[in-house]
Amino acid sequence: MKQLDSNSFHPFIENGWKVVEFRAQWCFDCKRVAYSLPDLEEKYVSVFEMGELDVDESRAIPEAYGVKGVPAFLIFRDGREVARLMSKEAKREENIVRFFSEQFEESPLG
């Protein structure tokens, strides 16, 4: 997973399908769901690229996107946000798996 910061975030999301996990070092739920993310990233490697942004190191970005809790997952297509899974629902692995499935298997990607 690509590590993002305030300098690399916008160039990362500007082309293609991207998933960004907003996280923090102190976040227990972020650490707990981190174990399942490599498998999801591998499953969808042909569809999107995944990155993570530490909200404490790059405060302006989560603020600009209205991310108030972590973990949170935002999906971008060519720089535009198209879906989000906010922290209330993103704390459970099965919700993250369902979110990815709904976005990348059941929805047309064209």
Protein backbone atom coordinates (compact mmCIF):
# COMPACT_ATOMS: atom_id res chain seq x y z
CA MET A 1 0.00 0.00 0.00
CA LYS A 2 1.38 3.38 -0.98
CA GLN A 3 2.15 5.76 1.88
CA LEU A 4 0.66 9.17 1.13
CA ASP A 5 1.28 12.63 2.55
CA SER A 6 0.19 16.17 1.76
CA ASN A 7 2.57 16.30 -1.24
CA SER A 8 1.73 12.94 -2.79
CA PHE A 9 -2.03 12.70 -2.12
CA HIS A 10 -3.39 14.75 -5.04
CA PRO A 11 -1.00 13.33 -7.68
CA PHE A 12 -1.92 9.83 -6.44
CA ILE A 13 -5.69 10.25 -6.82
CA GLU A 14 -5.73 12.20 -10.09
CA ASN A 15 -5.65 9.25 -12.54
CA GLY A 16 -7.60 6.00 -12.48
CA TRP A 17 -9.35 4.27 -9.61
CA LYS A 18 -7.77 4.83 -6.20
CA VAL A 19 -8.75 3.84 -2.67
CA VAL A 20 -7.34 5.89 0.18
CA GLU A 21 -7.50 4.72 3.77
CA PHE A 22 -7.45 7.62 6.21
CA ARG A 23 -5.79 6.34 9.39
CA ALA A 24 -3.78 7.28 12.47
CA GLN A 25 -0.97 5.62 14.42
CA TRP A 26 -2.96 5.76 17.67
CA CYS A 27 -6.10 4.21 16.13
CA PHE A 28 -6.75 0.70 17.46
CA ASP A 29 -9.42 0.01 14.81
CA CYS A 30 -7.00 1.07 12.05
CA LYS A 31 -4.46 -1.45 13.29
CA ARG A 32 -7.10 -4.17 13.58
CA VAL A 33 -8.42 -3.79 10.01
CA ALA A 34 -4.90 -3.38 8.59
CA TYR A 35 -4.45 -7.17 8.60
CA SER A 36 -7.14 -7.69 5.96
CA LEU A 37 -6.10 -4.86 3.65
CA PRO A 38 -3.24 -6.64 1.83
CA ASP A 39 -5.63 -9.42 0.78
CA LEU A 40 -8.18 -6.90 -0.49
CA GLU A 41 -5.50 -4.96 -2.29
CA GLU A 42 -4.28 -8.17 -3.96
CA LYS A 43 -7.81 -9.21 -4.92
CA TYR A 44 -8.50 -5.91 -6.67
CA VAL A 45 -4.98 -5.18 -7.99
CA SER A 46 -6.26 -5.05 -11.58
CA VAL A 47 -9.00 -2.55 -10.65
CA PHE A 48 -7.49 0.05 -8.31
CA GLU A 49 -4.40 1.18 -6.46
CA MET A 50 -4.55 1.65 -2.72
CA GLY A 51 -2.88 4.23 -0.50
CA GLU A 52 -2.99 5.29 3.12
CA LEU A 53 -2.84 8.74 4.65
CA ASP A 54 -2.02 9.47 8.29
CA VAL A 55 -4.54 12.11 9.37
CA ASP A 56 -2.22 13.53 12.01
CA GLU A 57 0.64 14.09 9.56
CA SER A 58 -1.52 15.63 6.81
CA ARG A 59 -4.37 17.37 8.64
CA ALA A 60 -5.55 19.62 5.80
CA ILE A 61 -6.53 16.74 3.51
CA PRO A 62 -8.95 14.91 5.82
CA GLU A 63 -10.36 18.29 6.80
CA ALA A 64 -10.95 19.20 3.14
CA TYR A 65 -12.76 15.89 2.52
CA GLY A 66 -14.80 15.98 5.74
CA VAL A 67 -13.11 12.96 7.27
CA LYS A 68 -13.78 13.25 10.98
CA GLY A 69 -13.01 9.72 12.18
CA VAL A 70 -10.66 6.89 11.34
CA PRO A 71 -10.41 4.50 9.75
CA ALA A 72 -12.21 5.83 6.70
CA PHE A 73 -11.99 4.70 3.10
CA LEU A 74 -12.56 7.06 0.16
CA ILE A 75 -12.67 5.90 -3.43
CA PHE A 76 -11.58 8.25 -6.19
CA ARG A 77 -11.87 8.00 -9.94
CA ASP A 78 -9.67 10.39 -11.90
CA GLY A 79 -9.40 12.74 -8.92
CA ARG A 80 -13.09 12.82 -8.04
CA GLU A 81 -14.51 11.13 -4.96
CA VAL A 82 -17.09 8.51 -5.93
CA ALA A 83 -17.71 6.59 -2.67
CA ARG A 84 -16.79 6.54 1.00
CA LEU A 85 -16.97 4.25 3.98
CA MET A 86 -16.70 6.34 7.11
CA SER A 87 -15.26 5.30 10.43
CA LYS A 88 -18.49 4.15 12.08
CA GLU A 89 -18.80 1.37 9.48
CA ALA A 90 -15.10 0.98 8.62
CA LYS A 91 -14.16 -0.53 11.97
CA ARG A 92 -15.24 -4.04 10.99
CA GLU A 93 -13.49 -6.14 8.39
CA GLU A 94 -16.73 -7.55 6.98
CA ASN A 95 -18.04 -4.02 6.31
CA ILE A 96 -14.87 -3.12 4.43
CA VAL A 97 -15.06 -6.32 2.36
CA ARG A 98 -18.73 -5.61 1.56
CA PHE A 99 -17.94 -2.00 0.62
CA PHE A 100 -15.19 -3.04 -1.79
CA SER A 101 -17.41 -5.76 -3.25
CA GLU A 102 -20.29 -3.34 -3.82
CA GLN A 103 -18.03 -0.77 -5.46
CA PHE A 104 -15.86 -3.02 -7.59
CA GLU A 105 -17.88 -6.13 -8.38
CA GLU A 106 -21.54 -5.16 -8.59
CA SER A 107 -21.16 -1.66 -10.02
CA PRO A 108 -20.08 -1.03 -13.59
CA LEU A 109 -16.57 0.41 -13.68
CA GLY A 110 -16.78 1.96 -17.10
